[in-house]
Amino acid sequence: ALETLKMFEKRDSRVKSAAATNLSCLYYLKNELAQATKYADLAVNSDRYNPAALTNKGNTVFANGDYEKAAEFYKEALRNDSSCTEALYNLGLTYKKLNRIDEALDCFQKLHAILRDSAQVIHQIAQIYEILEDPNQAIEWLLQLISVVPTDPHVLSRLGKLYDNEGDKSQAFHYYYE
């Protein structure tokens, strides 16, 4: 796949951008950040309006710890394509890293409106409410999450812990037992 994609990087700018975007993603998944960054740069330089290329560039910058710059790439991807769910999700994660919790929550709630049954999105919202020390909202979101992934032991355990902290021993026992 890498060799095939490398052949396409010599084509016109749109094909080059698409190939470089895919190469960047493959290298990122292989945890080869230098190569992922190289191809992310090539993809963005070939087509500045490619939301996938901008998201990949944001991912490489995020992996290098520059969260502010990563947020800028994700926001630019969203300006070019407001339905780019990966950029919106990653922007939410970036805001969490930057401790901009309200902005992170806003991202994940927007994403939830698009992806109603996404376990990852619901999990992030529940986790943010735990960070905000709002156990009632966290419980509500974890109950939604259980309807999507009913046998996830970590979610059941978190529900047990939240109910235990709230003093509801019977509900805590129920979720711990589950």
N, C-alpha and C. Protein backbone atom coordinates (compact mmCIF):
# COMPACT_ATOMS: atom_id res chain seq x y z
N ALA A 1 0.83 -1.20 0.00
CA ALA A 1 0.00 0.00 0.00
C ALA A 1 0.87 1.26 0.00
N LEU A 2 1.94 1.22 0.81
CA LEU A 2 2.83 2.38 0.86
C LEU A 2 3.46 2.65 -0.51
N GLU A 3 3.91 1.62 -1.18
CA GLU A 3 4.54 1.79 -2.49
C GLU A 3 3.55 2.32 -3.51
N THR A 4 2.33 1.81 -3.49
CA THR A 4 1.30 2.28 -4.42
C THR A 4 1.00 3.74 -4.19
N LEU A 5 0.83 4.12 -2.94
CA LEU A 5 0.53 5.52 -2.62
C LEU A 5 1.69 6.43 -2.99
N LYS A 6 2.91 5.96 -2.82
CA LYS A 6 4.07 6.77 -3.17
C LYS A 6 4.11 7.06 -4.67
N MET A 7 3.58 6.15 -5.51
CA MET A 7 3.52 6.39 -6.95
C MET A 7 2.58 7.57 -7.25
N PHE A 8 1.51 7.70 -6.47
CA PHE A 8 0.52 8.75 -6.72
C PHE A 8 1.00 10.14 -6.29
N GLU A 9 2.01 10.20 -5.44
CA GLU A 9 2.44 11.50 -4.94
C GLU A 9 3.11 12.34 -6.03
N LYS A 10 3.39 11.74 -7.18
CA LYS A 10 4.00 12.47 -8.30
C LYS A 10 2.96 13.05 -9.24
N ARG A 11 1.68 12.86 -8.97
CA ARG A 11 0.59 13.30 -9.85
C ARG A 11 0.20 14.75 -9.54
N ASP A 12 -0.98 15.15 -10.07
CA ASP A 12 -1.44 16.53 -9.83
C ASP A 12 -1.72 16.75 -8.36
N SER A 13 -1.95 17.99 -7.98
CA SER A 13 -1.99 18.36 -6.57
C SER A 13 -3.09 17.65 -5.78
N ARG A 14 -4.28 17.43 -6.37
CA ARG A 14 -5.36 16.76 -5.63
C ARG A 14 -5.03 15.29 -5.37
N VAL A 15 -4.48 14.63 -6.40
CA VAL A 15 -4.10 13.22 -6.24
C VAL A 15 -2.92 13.12 -5.28
N LYS A 16 -1.99 14.06 -5.41
CA LYS A 16 -0.82 14.09 -4.53
C LYS A 16 -1.27 14.30 -3.09
N SER A 17 -2.21 15.21 -2.89
CA SER A 17 -2.70 15.48 -1.54
C SER A 17 -3.39 14.25 -0.96
N ALA A 18 -4.22 13.58 -1.76
CA ALA A 18 -4.93 12.39 -1.27
C ALA A 18 -3.93 11.27 -0.92
N ALA A 19 -2.95 11.06 -1.80
CA ALA A 19 -1.95 10.02 -1.54
C ALA A 19 -1.13 10.36 -0.29
N ALA A 20 -0.70 11.61 -0.19
CA ALA A 20 0.10 12.04 0.96
C ALA A 20 -0.72 11.95 2.26
N THR A 21 -2.01 12.27 2.17
CA THR A 21 -2.89 12.16 3.34
C THR A 21 -2.94 10.71 3.81
N ASN A 22 -3.13 9.79 2.88
CA ASN A 22 -3.19 8.37 3.24
C ASN A 22 -1.84 7.87 3.76
N LEU A 23 -0.76 8.30 3.15
CA LEU A 23 0.57 7.91 3.63
C LEU A 23 0.81 8.44 5.05
N SER A 24 0.42 9.68 5.27
CA SER A 24 0.57 10.27 6.60
C SER A 24 -0.20 9.44 7.64
N CYS A 25 -1.41 9.08 7.29
CA CYS A 25 -2.24 8.29 8.21
C CYS A 25 -1.60 6.93 8.49
N LEU A 26 -1.12 6.26 7.43
CA LEU A 26 -0.48 4.95 7.62
C LEU A 26 0.76 5.05 8.50
N TYR A 27 1.59 6.06 8.25
CA TYR A 27 2.79 6.21 9.08
C TYR A 27 2.42 6.58 10.52
N TYR A 28 1.36 7.38 10.68
CA TYR A 28 0.91 7.73 12.02
C TYR A 28 0.48 6.48 12.78
N LEU A 29 -0.27 5.62 12.09
CA LEU A 29 -0.73 4.38 12.72
C LEU A 29 0.43 3.46 13.06
N LYS A 30 1.51 3.54 12.29
CA LYS A 30 2.70 2.74 12.56
C LYS A 30 3.60 3.42 13.60
N ASN A 31 3.15 4.59 14.10
CA ASN A 31 3.89 5.38 15.09
C ASN A 31 5.24 5.86 14.57
N GLU A 32 5.29 6.13 13.27
CA GLU A 32 6.47 6.71 12.65
C GLU A 32 6.17 8.19 12.42
N LEU A 33 6.31 8.98 13.49
CA LEU A 33 5.85 10.37 13.46
C LEU A 33 6.62 11.25 12.49
N ALA A 34 7.90 11.01 12.31
CA ALA A 34 8.67 11.83 11.37
C ALA A 34 8.12 11.67 9.95
N GLN A 35 7.88 10.43 9.54
CA GLN A 35 7.32 10.17 8.21
C GLN A 35 5.89 10.69 8.13
N ALA A 36 5.10 10.49 9.17
CA ALA A 36 3.72 10.98 9.19
C ALA A 36 3.69 12.49 9.04
N THR A 37 4.60 13.17 9.72
CA THR A 37 4.68 14.63 9.63
C THR A 37 5.09 15.07 8.23
N LYS A 38 6.06 14.38 7.66
CA LYS A 38 6.53 14.71 6.30
C LYS A 38 5.38 14.65 5.31
N TYR A 39 4.62 13.56 5.35
CA TYR A 39 3.52 13.40 4.39
C TYR A 39 2.32 14.28 4.73
N ALA A 40 2.12 14.57 6.00
CA ALA A 40 1.06 15.51 6.37
C ALA A 40 1.38 16.89 5.81
N ASP A 41 2.64 17.30 5.92
CA ASP A 41 3.06 18.59 5.35
C ASP A 41 2.86 18.62 3.84
N LEU A 42 3.27 17.54 3.17
CA LEU A 42 3.11 17.45 1.72
C LEU A 42 1.64 17.53 1.34
N ALA A 43 0.78 16.83 2.08
CA ALA A 43 -0.66 16.83 1.79
C ALA A 43 -1.25 18.23 1.95
N VAL A 44 -0.91 18.90 3.03
CA VAL A 44 -1.44 20.24 3.29
C VAL A 44 -0.91 21.23 2.24
N ASN A 45 0.38 21.12 1.90
CA ASN A 45 0.96 22.02 0.89
C ASN A 45 0.37 21.78 -0.49
N SER A 46 -0.05 20.55 -0.78
CA SER A 46 -0.64 20.23 -2.08
C SER A 46 -2.08 20.70 -2.19
N ASP A 47 -2.80 20.67 -1.08
CA ASP A 47 -4.21 21.09 -1.08
C ASP A 47 -4.57 21.60 0.31
N ARG A 48 -4.49 22.91 0.48
CA ARG A 48 -4.71 23.55 1.78
C ARG A 48 -6.16 23.42 2.26
N TYR A 49 -7.07 23.00 1.36
CA TYR A 49 -8.48 22.90 1.71
C TYR A 49 -8.92 21.46 1.96
N ASN A 50 -7.98 20.54 2.06
CA ASN A 50 -8.27 19.13 2.29
C ASN A 50 -8.42 18.91 3.80
N PRO A 51 -9.67 18.69 4.29
CA PRO A 51 -9.86 18.55 5.74
C PRO A 51 -9.15 17.33 6.33
N ALA A 52 -9.05 16.25 5.56
CA ALA A 52 -8.35 15.06 6.05
C ALA A 52 -6.86 15.35 6.22
N ALA A 53 -6.28 16.09 5.27
CA ALA A 53 -4.86 16.45 5.37
C ALA A 53 -4.62 17.35 6.58
N LEU A 54 -5.51 18.31 6.80
CA LEU A 54 -5.38 19.21 7.94
C LEU A 54 -5.55 18.45 9.26
N THR A 55 -6.46 17.48 9.27
CA THR A 55 -6.66 16.67 10.47
C THR A 55 -5.42 15.83 10.76
N ASN A 56 -4.87 15.22 9.71
CA ASN A 56 -3.64 14.44 9.90
C ASN A 56 -2.50 15.31 10.40
N LYS A 57 -2.40 16.52 9.85
CA LYS A 57 -1.35 17.44 10.31
C LYS A 57 -1.58 17.77 11.78
N GLY A 58 -2.83 18.02 12.15
CA GLY A 58 -3.17 18.26 13.56
C GLY A 58 -2.79 17.08 14.43
N ASN A 59 -3.01 15.87 13.92
CA ASN A 59 -2.67 14.67 14.70
C ASN A 59 -1.17 14.57 14.95
N THR A 60 -0.37 14.89 13.94
CA THR A 60 1.09 14.80 14.12
C THR A 60 1.58 15.87 15.08
N VAL A 61 0.99 17.05 14.99
CA VAL A 61 1.36 18.14 15.90
C VAL A 61 0.93 17.79 17.32
N PHE A 62 -0.28 17.22 17.47
CA PHE A 62 -0.78 16.78 18.77
C PHE A 62 0.17 15.75 19.37
N ALA A 63 0.58 14.77 18.56
CA ALA A 63 1.47 13.72 19.05
C ALA A 63 2.81 14.27 19.52
N ASN A 64 3.20 15.42 18.98
CA ASN A 64 4.44 16.07 19.40
C ASN A 64 4.23 17.03 20.57
N GLY A 65 2.99 17.11 21.08
CA GLY A 65 2.71 17.88 22.29
C GLY A 65 2.36 19.34 22.10
N ASP A 66 2.23 19.81 20.86
CA ASP A 66 1.86 21.20 20.62
C ASP A 66 0.35 21.28 20.42
N TYR A 67 -0.38 21.30 21.55
CA TYR A 67 -1.83 21.20 21.51
C TYR A 67 -2.50 22.44 20.94
N GLU A 68 -1.94 23.62 21.20
CA GLU A 68 -2.52 24.85 20.64
C GLU A 68 -2.48 24.83 19.12
N LYS A 69 -1.34 24.43 18.58
CA LYS A 69 -1.19 24.38 17.12
C LYS A 69 -2.08 23.29 16.53
N ALA A 70 -2.19 22.16 17.22
CA ALA A 70 -3.06 21.08 16.77
C ALA A 70 -4.50 21.58 16.68
N ALA A 71 -4.93 22.32 17.70
CA ALA A 71 -6.29 22.87 17.69
C ALA A 71 -6.51 23.76 16.48
N GLU A 72 -5.50 24.53 16.09
CA GLU A 72 -5.64 25.40 14.92
C GLU A 72 -5.85 24.58 13.64
N PHE A 73 -5.11 23.48 13.50
CA PHE A 73 -5.29 22.63 12.31
C PHE A 73 -6.68 22.00 12.30
N TYR A 74 -7.16 21.54 13.46
CA TYR A 74 -8.49 20.94 13.51
C TYR A 74 -9.56 21.98 13.20
N LYS A 75 -9.40 23.20 13.71
CA LYS A 75 -10.38 24.25 13.43
C LYS A 75 -10.37 24.62 11.95
N GLU A 76 -9.19 24.64 11.35
CA GLU A 76 -9.11 24.93 9.91
C GLU A 76 -9.79 23.82 9.11
N ALA A 77 -9.59 22.58 9.51
CA ALA A 77 -10.26 21.46 8.83
C ALA A 77 -11.78 21.63 8.92
N LEU A 78 -12.26 22.06 10.08
CA LEU A 78 -13.70 22.25 10.27
C LEU A 78 -14.22 23.46 9.48
N ARG A 79 -13.39 24.48 9.31
CA ARG A 79 -13.80 25.62 8.47
C ARG A 79 -13.96 25.17 7.02
N ASN A 80 -13.13 24.24 6.59
CA ASN A 80 -13.20 23.75 5.21
C ASN A 80 -14.30 22.71 5.02
N ASP A 81 -14.63 21.98 6.07
CA ASP A 81 -15.69 20.96 6.01
C ASP A 81 -16.27 20.80 7.41
N SER A 82 -17.39 21.45 7.65
CA SER A 82 -17.98 21.46 8.99
C SER A 82 -18.47 20.08 9.42
N SER A 83 -18.54 19.13 8.50
CA SER A 83 -18.99 17.78 8.86
C SER A 83 -17.82 16.82 9.08
N CYS A 84 -16.62 17.34 9.21
CA CYS A 84 -15.44 16.50 9.43
C CYS A 84 -15.43 16.06 10.90
N THR A 85 -16.04 14.90 11.15
CA THR A 85 -16.23 14.44 12.53
C THR A 85 -14.91 14.10 13.21
N GLU A 86 -13.93 13.62 12.46
CA GLU A 86 -12.64 13.30 13.07
C GLU A 86 -11.97 14.56 13.61
N ALA A 87 -12.04 15.64 12.84
CA ALA A 87 -11.44 16.90 13.30
C ALA A 87 -12.17 17.42 14.54
N LEU A 88 -13.49 17.31 14.56
CA LEU A 88 -14.27 17.78 15.70
C LEU A 88 -13.96 16.94 16.95
N TYR A 89 -13.87 15.62 16.78
CA TYR A 89 -13.54 14.75 17.90
C TYR A 89 -12.15 15.08 18.44
N ASN A 90 -11.19 15.20 17.53
CA ASN A 90 -9.81 15.49 17.95
C ASN A 90 -9.68 16.88 18.56
N LEU A 91 -10.49 17.82 18.08
CA LEU A 91 -10.49 19.15 18.69
C LEU A 91 -10.99 19.06 20.13
N GLY A 92 -12.01 18.25 20.36
CA GLY A 92 -12.50 18.04 21.72
C GLY A 92 -11.43 17.43 22.63
N LEU A 93 -10.70 16.43 22.10
CA LEU A 93 -9.61 15.83 22.88
C LEU A 93 -8.51 16.85 23.17
N THR A 94 -8.25 17.69 22.18
CA THR A 94 -7.21 18.72 22.35
C THR A 94 -7.62 19.72 23.42
N TYR A 95 -8.87 20.15 23.39
CA TYR A 95 -9.35 21.07 24.42
C TYR A 95 -9.28 20.42 25.81
N LYS A 96 -9.54 19.11 25.89
CA LYS A 96 -9.39 18.43 27.18
C LYS A 96 -7.94 18.50 27.65
N LYS A 97 -7.00 18.26 26.74
CA LYS A 97 -5.58 18.33 27.08
C LYS A 97 -5.20 19.72 27.55
N LEU A 98 -5.81 20.73 26.94
CA LEU A 98 -5.52 22.13 27.29
C LEU A 98 -6.32 22.59 28.51
N ASN A 99 -7.09 21.68 29.09
CA ASN A 99 -7.94 21.98 30.25
C ASN A 99 -8.98 23.06 29.93
N ARG A 100 -9.42 23.10 28.69
CA ARG A 100 -10.50 23.99 28.27
C ARG A 100 -11.77 23.12 28.18
N ILE A 101 -12.23 22.75 29.37
CA ILE A 101 -13.24 21.71 29.51
C ILE A 101 -14.58 22.11 28.89
N ASP A 102 -15.00 23.36 29.05
CA ASP A 102 -16.28 23.77 28.47
C ASP A 102 -16.25 23.69 26.95
N GLU A 103 -15.12 24.08 26.35
CA GLU A 103 -15.00 24.00 24.89
C GLU A 103 -14.96 22.54 24.43
N ALA A 104 -14.31 21.68 25.21
CA ALA A 104 -14.29 20.26 24.89
C ALA A 104 -15.70 19.69 24.92
N LEU A 105 -16.44 20.04 25.97
CA LEU A 105 -17.81 19.56 26.09
C LEU A 105 -18.66 20.02 24.91
N ASP A 106 -18.47 21.25 24.49
CA ASP A 106 -19.20 21.79 23.34
C ASP A 106 -18.91 20.97 22.09
N CYS A 107 -17.64 20.64 21.86
CA CYS A 107 -17.27 19.82 20.70
C CYS A 107 -17.95 18.46 20.73
N PHE A 108 -17.90 17.81 21.88
CA PHE A 108 -18.47 16.47 21.97
C PHE A 108 -20.00 16.48 21.90
N GLN A 109 -20.62 17.54 22.41
CA GLN A 109 -22.08 17.62 22.29
C GLN A 109 -22.49 17.87 20.84
N LYS A 110 -21.74 18.68 20.11
CA LYS A 110 -22.01 18.86 18.68
C LYS A 110 -21.84 17.53 17.95
N LEU A 111 -20.80 16.82 18.31
CA LEU A 111 -20.53 15.54 17.68
C LEU A 111 -21.63 14.53 18.01
N HIS A 112 -22.13 14.58 19.23
CA HIS A 112 -23.21 13.68 19.64
C HIS A 112 -24.47 13.94 18.81
N ALA A 113 -24.70 15.18 18.44
CA ALA A 113 -25.86 15.49 17.60
C ALA A 113 -25.73 14.85 16.21
N ILE A 114 -24.50 14.63 15.77
CA ILE A 114 -24.25 14.01 14.47
C ILE A 114 -24.18 12.49 14.59
N LEU A 115 -23.47 12.02 15.61
CA LEU A 115 -23.23 10.59 15.81
C LEU A 115 -23.91 10.14 17.11
N ARG A 116 -25.22 9.97 17.06
CA ARG A 116 -26.02 9.72 18.26
C ARG A 116 -25.57 8.49 19.06
N ASP A 117 -25.16 7.43 18.38
CA ASP A 117 -24.84 6.19 19.07
C ASP A 117 -23.35 5.90 19.14
N SER A 118 -22.54 6.92 19.07
CA SER A 118 -21.09 6.72 19.14
C SER A 118 -20.67 6.53 20.59
N ALA A 119 -20.20 5.33 20.90
CA ALA A 119 -19.78 5.03 22.27
C ALA A 119 -18.62 5.94 22.69
N GLN A 120 -17.71 6.22 21.77
CA GLN A 120 -16.55 7.07 22.10
C GLN A 120 -16.99 8.48 22.48
N VAL A 121 -17.95 9.02 21.74
CA VAL A 121 -18.42 10.38 22.01
C VAL A 121 -19.16 10.43 23.35
N ILE A 122 -20.04 9.48 23.57
CA ILE A 122 -20.80 9.44 24.83
C ILE A 122 -19.84 9.27 26.01
N HIS A 123 -18.83 8.43 25.83
CA HIS A 123 -17.82 8.22 26.87
C HIS A 123 -17.11 9.54 27.20
N GLN A 124 -16.73 10.29 26.19
CA GLN A 124 -16.03 11.56 26.41
C GLN A 124 -16.92 12.54 27.17
N ILE A 125 -18.19 12.60 26.81
CA ILE A 125 -19.11 13.52 27.49
C ILE A 125 -19.25 13.12 28.96
N ALA A 126 -19.43 11.83 29.22
CA ALA A 126 -19.54 11.36 30.61
C ALA A 126 -18.27 11.70 31.38
N GLN A 127 -17.13 11.48 30.77
CA GLN A 127 -15.85 11.76 31.43
C GLN A 127 -15.70 13.25 31.73
N ILE A 128 -16.14 14.10 30.83
CA ILE A 128 -16.07 15.55 31.07
C ILE A 128 -16.95 15.93 32.26
N TYR A 129 -18.14 15.34 32.34
CA TYR A 129 -18.99 15.65 33.49
C TYR A 129 -18.37 15.16 34.79
N GLU A 130 -17.62 14.08 34.74
CA GLU A 130 -16.90 13.64 35.93
C GLU A 130 -15.81 14.66 36.29
N ILE A 131 -15.13 15.17 35.29
CA ILE A 131 -14.10 16.20 35.53
C ILE A 131 -14.73 17.45 36.13
N LEU A 132 -15.92 17.79 35.62
CA LEU A 132 -16.64 18.97 36.12
C LEU A 132 -17.31 18.71 37.47
N GLU A 133 -17.12 17.50 38.00
CA GLU A 133 -17.70 17.09 39.28
C GLU A 133 -19.22 17.26 39.30
N ASP A 134 -19.85 16.78 38.22
CA ASP A 134 -21.31 16.76 38.10
C ASP A 134 -21.73 15.29 37.96
N PRO A 135 -21.80 14.57 39.12
CA PRO A 135 -22.06 13.13 39.05
C PRO A 135 -23.41 12.78 38.44
N ASN A 136 -24.41 13.61 38.62
CA ASN A 136 -25.73 13.30 38.06
C ASN A 136 -25.69 13.27 36.54
N GLN A 137 -25.03 14.27 35.93
CA GLN A 137 -24.90 14.29 34.48
C GLN A 137 -24.00 13.14 34.01
N ALA A 138 -22.93 12.87 34.74
CA ALA A 138 -22.04 11.76 34.39
C ALA A 138 -22.81 10.44 34.39
N ILE A 139 -23.64 10.25 35.40
CA ILE A 139 -24.45 9.03 35.48
C ILE A 139 -25.41 8.94 34.30
N GLU A 140 -26.06 10.06 33.97
CA GLU A 140 -26.99 10.08 32.83
C GLU A 140 -26.29 9.63 31.55
N TRP A 141 -25.12 10.17 31.30
CA TRP A 141 -24.38 9.84 30.08
C TRP A 141 -23.85 8.41 30.13
N LEU A 142 -23.43 7.95 31.29
CA LEU A 142 -22.96 6.56 31.39
C LEU A 142 -24.12 5.59 31.18
N LEU A 143 -25.32 5.95 31.63
CA LEU A 143 -26.49 5.10 31.38
C LEU A 143 -26.79 5.04 29.88
N GLN A 144 -26.62 6.16 29.19
CA GLN A 144 -26.76 6.15 27.72
C GLN A 144 -25.70 5.25 27.10
N LEU A 145 -24.50 5.33 27.63
CA LEU A 145 -23.40 4.54 27.11
C LEU A 145 -23.67 3.04 27.29
N ILE A 146 -24.25 2.68 28.42
CA ILE A 146 -24.60 1.28 28.69
C ILE A 146 -25.64 0.79 27.68
N SER A 147 -26.50 1.67 27.20
CA SER A 147 -27.48 1.23 26.20
C SER A 147 -26.79 0.94 24.86
N VAL A 148 -25.62 1.52 24.63
CA VAL A 148 -24.87 1.28 23.39
C VAL A 148 -23.92 0.09 23.55
N VAL A 149 -23.24 0.02 24.69
CA VAL A 149 -22.29 -1.08 24.98
C VAL A 149 -22.67 -1.70 26.33
N PRO A 150 -23.70 -2.54 26.34
CA PRO A 150 -24.27 -3.02 27.61
C PRO A 150 -23.35 -3.90 28.46
N THR A 151 -22.31 -4.45 27.90
CA THR A 151 -21.48 -5.37 28.68
C THR A 151 -20.07 -4.85 28.94
N ASP A 152 -19.87 -3.56 28.81
CA ASP A 152 -18.53 -2.98 29.04
C ASP A 152 -18.27 -2.92 30.55
N PRO A 153 -17.33 -3.72 31.05
CA PRO A 153 -17.11 -3.77 32.50
C PRO A 153 -16.58 -2.46 33.08
N HIS A 154 -15.84 -1.69 32.30
CA HIS A 154 -15.30 -0.43 32.81
C HIS A 154 -16.42 0.60 33.02
N VAL A 155 -17.36 0.63 32.10
CA VAL A 155 -18.49 1.55 32.24
C VAL A 155 -19.36 1.15 33.41
N LEU A 156 -19.61 -0.14 33.54
CA LEU A 156 -20.42 -0.63 34.67
C LEU A 156 -19.73 -0.31 36.00
N SER A 157 -18.42 -0.47 36.04
CA SER A 157 -17.66 -0.16 37.25
C SER A 157 -17.71 1.33 37.57
N ARG A 158 -17.59 2.17 36.54
CA ARG A 158 -17.67 3.62 36.77
C ARG A 158 -19.03 4.01 37.29
N LEU A 159 -20.08 3.39 36.76
CA LEU A 159 -21.42 3.67 37.26
C LEU A 159 -21.52 3.25 38.73
N GLY A 160 -20.98 2.09 39.06
CA GLY A 160 -21.00 1.63 40.45
C GLY A 160 -20.28 2.61 41.36
N LYS A 161 -19.13 3.08 40.92
CA LYS A 161 -18.35 4.03 41.73
C LYS A 161 -19.11 5.34 41.92
N LEU A 162 -19.71 5.86 40.84
CA LEU A 162 -20.45 7.12 40.96
C LEU A 162 -21.65 6.96 41.91
N TYR A 163 -22.39 5.87 41.76
CA TYR A 163 -23.52 5.64 42.67
C TYR A 163 -23.04 5.46 44.11
N ASP A 164 -21.91 4.78 44.28
CA ASP A 164 -21.34 4.59 45.61
C ASP A 164 -20.97 5.94 46.22
N ASN A 165 -20.34 6.80 45.44
CA ASN A 165 -19.96 8.13 45.92
C ASN A 165 -21.18 8.99 46.27
N GLU A 166 -22.30 8.73 45.58
CA GLU A 166 -23.53 9.47 45.84
C GLU A 166 -24.32 8.87 47.01
N GLY A 167 -23.85 7.73 47.54
CA GLY A 167 -24.50 7.12 48.70
C GLY A 167 -25.60 6.14 48.35
N ASP A 168 -25.77 5.84 47.07
CA ASP A 168 -26.80 4.90 46.64
C ASP A 168 -26.18 3.51 46.56
N LYS A 169 -26.11 2.84 47.70
CA LYS A 169 -25.42 1.56 47.81
C LYS A 169 -26.07 0.46 46.97
N SER A 170 -27.40 0.46 46.88
CA SER A 170 -28.06 -0.61 46.12
C SER A 170 -27.76 -0.49 44.62
N GLN A 171 -27.80 0.73 44.10
CA GLN A 171 -27.45 0.92 42.68
C GLN A 171 -25.97 0.62 42.47
N ALA A 172 -25.14 1.04 43.39
CA ALA A 172 -23.70 0.77 43.28
C ALA A 172 -23.47 -0.74 43.23
N PHE A 173 -24.11 -1.47 44.15
CA PHE A 173 -23.98 -2.92 44.18
C PHE A 173 -24.43 -3.54 42.86
N HIS A 174 -25.55 -3.05 42.34
CA HIS A 174 -26.11 -3.57 41.08
C HIS A 174 -25.09 -3.43 39.95
N TYR A 175 -24.50 -2.25 39.78
CA TYR A 175 -23.57 -2.06 38.67
C TYR A 175 -22.24 -2.75 38.90
N TYR A 176 -21.79 -2.83 40.16
CA TYR A 176 -20.58 -3.59 40.45
C TYR A 176 -20.84 -5.07 40.14
N TYR A 177 -21.99 -5.56 40.52
CA TYR A 177 -22.33 -6.95 40.28
C TYR A 177 -22.41 -7.24 38.77
N GLU A 178 -23.05 -6.34 38.04
CA GLU A 178 -23.14 -6.50 36.58
C GLU A 178 -21.76 -6.57 35.98
